[in-house]
Amino acid sequence: MSWILLTMLLPALWSAGAAGEDTAFRIAPHAGGRAFGSFEDSAGGRRDLEESGVVALALELRHGPDSWWQLWYSRQATRIPQPAGRLDVDVEVPHVGGTAPIAVHDRWRSFISGGLGATRLSPGRTGLDDETRGSVSLGVGLERPLGRRSALRLEARGYLTLLDSDSAIFCRTGADDDACRILARGKTLFQAELLAGIAFGW
């Protein structure tokens, strides 16, 4: 569904014009893939979040010649293997941050990105709780102008989510479900993604 919405939005955004040096605001839809992220179960086994696609959207306000304040949102629909099947999980990350330039290579501009906010883990099973934890992100990328107001963007971004060590997740008090045996072993959850997008500005 997210891919369909992105495909429908691109022509409208393109016709509106978009992200060069004379723009103060821009919107940048992205798509790509995310990997990593592990938990443990109560028996000491490893439960990995499966690699899957991710969509993201950046709303940006110019801060300097090549730097931007940024509202960032990304969403991954993934699964955790279970003895009795798989548990569907949506991972949503809203962050506030920005980008700053590194260097210019021919027409490509390299940049660093970062953000601070939260990670929400939503299990796709009735009766299980969502989990929301604080998180930070850091990334590097390349951007190439496509016109006066648009640019192609490639980015790699990592997320570090803070967890409560040795506590069960996705579980209501008193529940006895296989999902409740998933534990947040350790204090952090790390994930990384590769993205491609187009920035459109006004």
Protein backbone atom coordinates (compact mmCIF):
# COMPACT_ATOMS: atom_id res chain seq x y z
CA MET A 1 0.00 0.00 0.00
CA SER A 2 2.84 2.41 0.83
CA TRP A 3 4.43 1.82 -2.58
CA ILE A 4 1.12 2.64 -4.30
CA LEU A 5 0.77 5.91 -2.37
CA LEU A 6 4.37 6.86 -3.15
CA THR A 7 3.84 6.19 -6.87
CA MET A 8 0.72 8.36 -6.86
CA LEU A 9 2.45 11.21 -5.05
CA LEU A 10 5.53 11.52 -7.24
CA PRO A 11 3.88 13.02 -10.37
CA ALA A 12 2.03 15.61 -8.29
CA LEU A 13 5.15 16.60 -6.39
CA TRP A 14 7.21 16.76 -9.57
CA SER A 15 4.72 19.09 -11.26
CA ALA A 16 4.80 21.36 -8.21
CA GLY A 17 8.50 22.00 -8.68
CA ALA A 18 11.10 21.12 -6.13
CA ALA A 19 14.86 21.15 -4.10
CA GLY A 20 17.57 23.49 -5.34
CA GLU A 21 19.54 26.34 -3.78
CA ASP A 22 16.64 28.80 -4.08
CA THR A 23 14.21 26.66 -2.05
CA ALA A 24 13.40 27.12 1.64
CA PHE A 25 11.28 24.01 2.19
CA ARG A 26 11.30 20.53 0.70
CA ILE A 27 9.67 17.15 1.00
CA ALA A 28 11.57 13.94 0.29
CA PRO A 29 9.89 10.52 -0.01
CA HIS A 30 12.24 7.52 0.25
CA ALA A 31 12.07 3.75 -0.16
CA GLY A 32 14.56 0.99 0.53
CA GLY A 33 15.31 -1.88 2.89
CA ARG A 34 16.11 -2.34 6.59
CA ALA A 35 18.03 -5.11 8.34
CA PHE A 36 19.24 -6.21 11.78
CA GLY A 37 17.50 -6.07 15.15
CA SER A 38 17.50 -9.00 17.56
CA PHE A 39 15.73 -10.13 20.72
CA GLU A 40 15.91 -13.31 22.78
CA ASP A 41 13.23 -15.68 24.04
CA SER A 42 12.84 -17.01 27.56
CA ALA A 43 14.78 -20.17 26.62
CA GLY A 44 17.81 -18.16 25.46
CA GLY A 45 17.08 -18.51 21.72
CA ARG A 46 17.57 -15.62 19.31
CA ARG A 47 14.59 -13.89 17.69
CA ASP A 48 15.59 -11.65 14.77
CA LEU A 49 13.51 -9.02 13.05
CA GLU A 50 13.41 -10.12 9.41
CA GLU A 51 14.93 -7.98 6.68
CA SER A 52 12.18 -6.14 4.80
CA GLY A 53 11.27 -3.03 2.85
CA VAL A 54 10.95 0.39 4.42
CA VAL A 55 9.37 3.69 3.36
CA ALA A 56 10.34 7.07 4.78
CA LEU A 57 9.39 10.71 4.45
CA ALA A 58 11.47 13.80 5.30
CA LEU A 59 10.04 17.30 5.74
CA GLU A 60 12.91 19.80 5.65
CA LEU A 61 13.42 23.51 6.37
CA ARG A 62 16.57 25.22 5.15
CA HIS A 63 19.09 26.07 7.88
CA GLY A 64 22.09 27.06 5.77
CA PRO A 65 23.42 26.87 2.19
CA ASP A 66 23.49 23.06 2.25
CA SER A 67 22.05 22.16 5.67
CA TRP A 68 18.45 21.45 6.67
CA TRP A 69 16.30 21.04 9.76
CA GLN A 70 14.37 17.80 9.36
CA LEU A 71 11.25 15.98 10.51
CA TRP A 72 11.85 12.32 9.67
CA TYR A 73 9.42 9.39 9.65
CA SER A 74 10.15 5.83 8.54
CA ARG A 75 8.06 2.67 8.66
CA GLN A 76 9.02 -0.98 8.30
CA ALA A 77 6.60 -3.91 8.14
CA THR A 78 8.54 -6.95 9.32
CA ARG A 79 8.13 -10.22 11.24
CA ILE A 80 9.70 -12.10 14.15
CA PRO A 81 9.99 -15.91 13.73
CA GLN A 82 8.02 -17.88 16.29
CA PRO A 83 7.87 -21.63 17.04
CA ALA A 84 4.21 -21.56 15.95
CA GLY A 85 4.71 -19.21 12.97
CA ARG A 86 5.71 -15.56 12.64
CA LEU A 87 4.67 -12.49 14.57
CA ASP A 88 4.01 -9.48 12.31
CA VAL A 89 5.55 -6.28 13.66
CA ASP A 90 5.43 -2.70 12.37
CA VAL A 91 8.44 -0.56 13.29
CA GLU A 92 7.79 3.19 13.11
CA VAL A 93 10.43 5.85 13.76
CA PRO A 94 9.52 9.57 14.06
CA HIS A 95 12.60 11.76 14.60
CA VAL A 96 13.51 15.45 14.76
CA GLY A 97 16.96 16.29 13.43
CA GLY A 98 18.69 17.55 10.33
CA THR A 99 21.39 17.19 7.70
CA ALA A 100 24.77 18.90 7.29
CA PRO A 101 27.13 18.91 4.29
CA ILE A 102 30.42 17.02 4.18
CA ALA A 103 31.88 17.67 0.72
CA VAL A 104 31.08 18.10 -2.98
CA HIS A 105 32.26 15.44 -5.46
CA ASP A 106 31.61 16.64 -9.02
CA ARG A 107 27.78 17.08 -8.95
CA TRP A 108 27.31 14.78 -5.95
CA ARG A 109 27.11 16.31 -2.49
CA SER A 110 27.84 14.15 0.54
CA PHE A 111 26.09 14.83 3.85
CA ILE A 112 25.55 13.49 7.34
CA SER A 113 22.10 13.13 8.91
CA GLY A 114 20.88 12.59 12.43
CA GLY A 115 17.79 12.61 14.57
CA LEU A 116 16.32 12.09 18.00
CA GLY A 117 12.88 10.75 18.84
CA ALA A 118 11.18 7.40 19.40
CA THR A 119 10.76 3.92 17.98
CA ARG A 120 7.34 2.27 18.11
CA LEU A 121 7.05 -1.53 17.80
CA SER A 122 3.48 -2.60 17.03
CA PRO A 123 2.70 -6.35 17.00
CA GLY A 124 0.07 -7.51 14.54
CA ARG A 125 -1.82 -9.66 17.00
CA THR A 126 -4.87 -8.72 19.04
CA GLY A 127 -4.26 -8.44 22.77
CA LEU A 128 -0.55 -7.60 22.60
CA ASP A 129 0.81 -4.21 23.65
CA ASP A 130 2.71 -1.77 21.49
CA GLU A 131 6.16 -0.79 22.73
CA THR A 132 7.47 2.78 22.40
CA ARG A 133 11.07 3.59 23.32
CA GLY A 134 13.44 6.50 22.84
CA SER A 135 15.86 6.29 19.92
CA VAL A 136 18.55 8.15 17.98
CA SER A 137 19.66 7.90 14.35
CA LEU A 138 22.80 8.70 12.39
CA GLY A 139 23.36 8.45 8.66
CA VAL A 140 25.48 9.41 5.66
CA GLY A 141 24.30 10.08 2.15
CA LEU A 142 24.80 11.48 -1.31
CA GLU A 143 22.63 14.00 -3.12
CA ARG A 144 22.69 14.97 -6.81
CA PRO A 145 20.66 17.88 -8.22
CA LEU A 146 18.17 16.91 -10.93
CA GLY A 147 17.11 20.49 -11.63
CA ARG A 148 16.81 23.87 -9.93
CA ARG A 149 14.35 22.48 -7.36
CA SER A 150 14.81 18.71 -7.22
CA ALA A 151 17.50 16.27 -6.19
CA LEU A 152 18.18 12.54 -6.12
CA ARG A 153 19.16 11.24 -2.69
CA LEU A 154 20.90 8.04 -1.55
CA GLU A 155 21.27 7.43 2.17
CA ALA A 156 22.39 4.84 4.72
CA ARG A 157 20.97 5.37 8.21
CA GLY A 158 21.33 3.50 11.49
CA TYR A 159 18.90 3.51 14.44
CA LEU A 160 19.71 2.81 18.08
CA THR A 161 16.65 2.20 20.27
CA LEU A 162 16.89 2.17 24.08
CA LEU A 163 15.26 -0.84 25.76
CA ASP A 164 14.54 -2.05 29.28
CA SER A 165 17.05 -4.83 29.83
CA ASP A 166 15.73 -8.33 30.59
CA SER A 167 12.07 -7.36 30.27
CA ALA A 168 9.32 -9.01 28.21
CA ILE A 169 7.87 -6.99 25.32
CA PHE A 170 4.54 -7.06 23.42
CA CYS A 171 2.91 -8.56 26.51
CA ARG A 172 -0.05 -7.63 28.68
CA THR A 173 0.18 -8.37 32.39
CA GLY A 174 -0.76 -11.98 33.05
CA ALA A 175 -0.79 -13.00 29.38
CA ASP A 176 0.55 -16.42 28.45
CA ASP A 177 1.40 -16.18 24.76
CA ASP A 178 4.47 -17.19 22.78
CA ALA A 179 5.03 -13.53 21.90
CA CYS A 180 5.29 -12.73 25.62
CA ARG A 181 8.40 -14.86 25.80
CA ILE A 182 10.30 -12.41 23.59
CA LEU A 183 12.74 -10.55 25.82
CA ALA A 184 14.68 -7.31 25.39
CA ARG A 185 18.07 -8.76 26.23
CA GLY A 186 20.53 -5.89 26.51
CA LYS A 187 19.83 -2.18 26.62
CA THR A 188 19.68 -1.31 22.90
CA LEU A 189 18.18 -2.45 19.61
CA PHE A 190 20.20 -1.61 16.47
CA GLN A 191 18.82 -1.48 12.92
CA ALA A 192 20.24 -0.13 9.66
CA GLU A 193 18.66 0.78 6.34
CA LEU A 194 19.59 1.77 2.79
CA LEU A 195 17.32 4.28 1.07
CA ALA A 196 16.83 6.07 -2.23
CA GLY A 197 14.59 9.11 -2.60
CA ILE A 198 13.83 12.34 -4.43
CA ALA A 199 13.67 15.71 -2.70
CA PHE A 200 11.19 18.28 -4.03
CA GLY A 201 11.39 21.89 -2.90
CA TRP A 202 9.59 25.24 -3.01
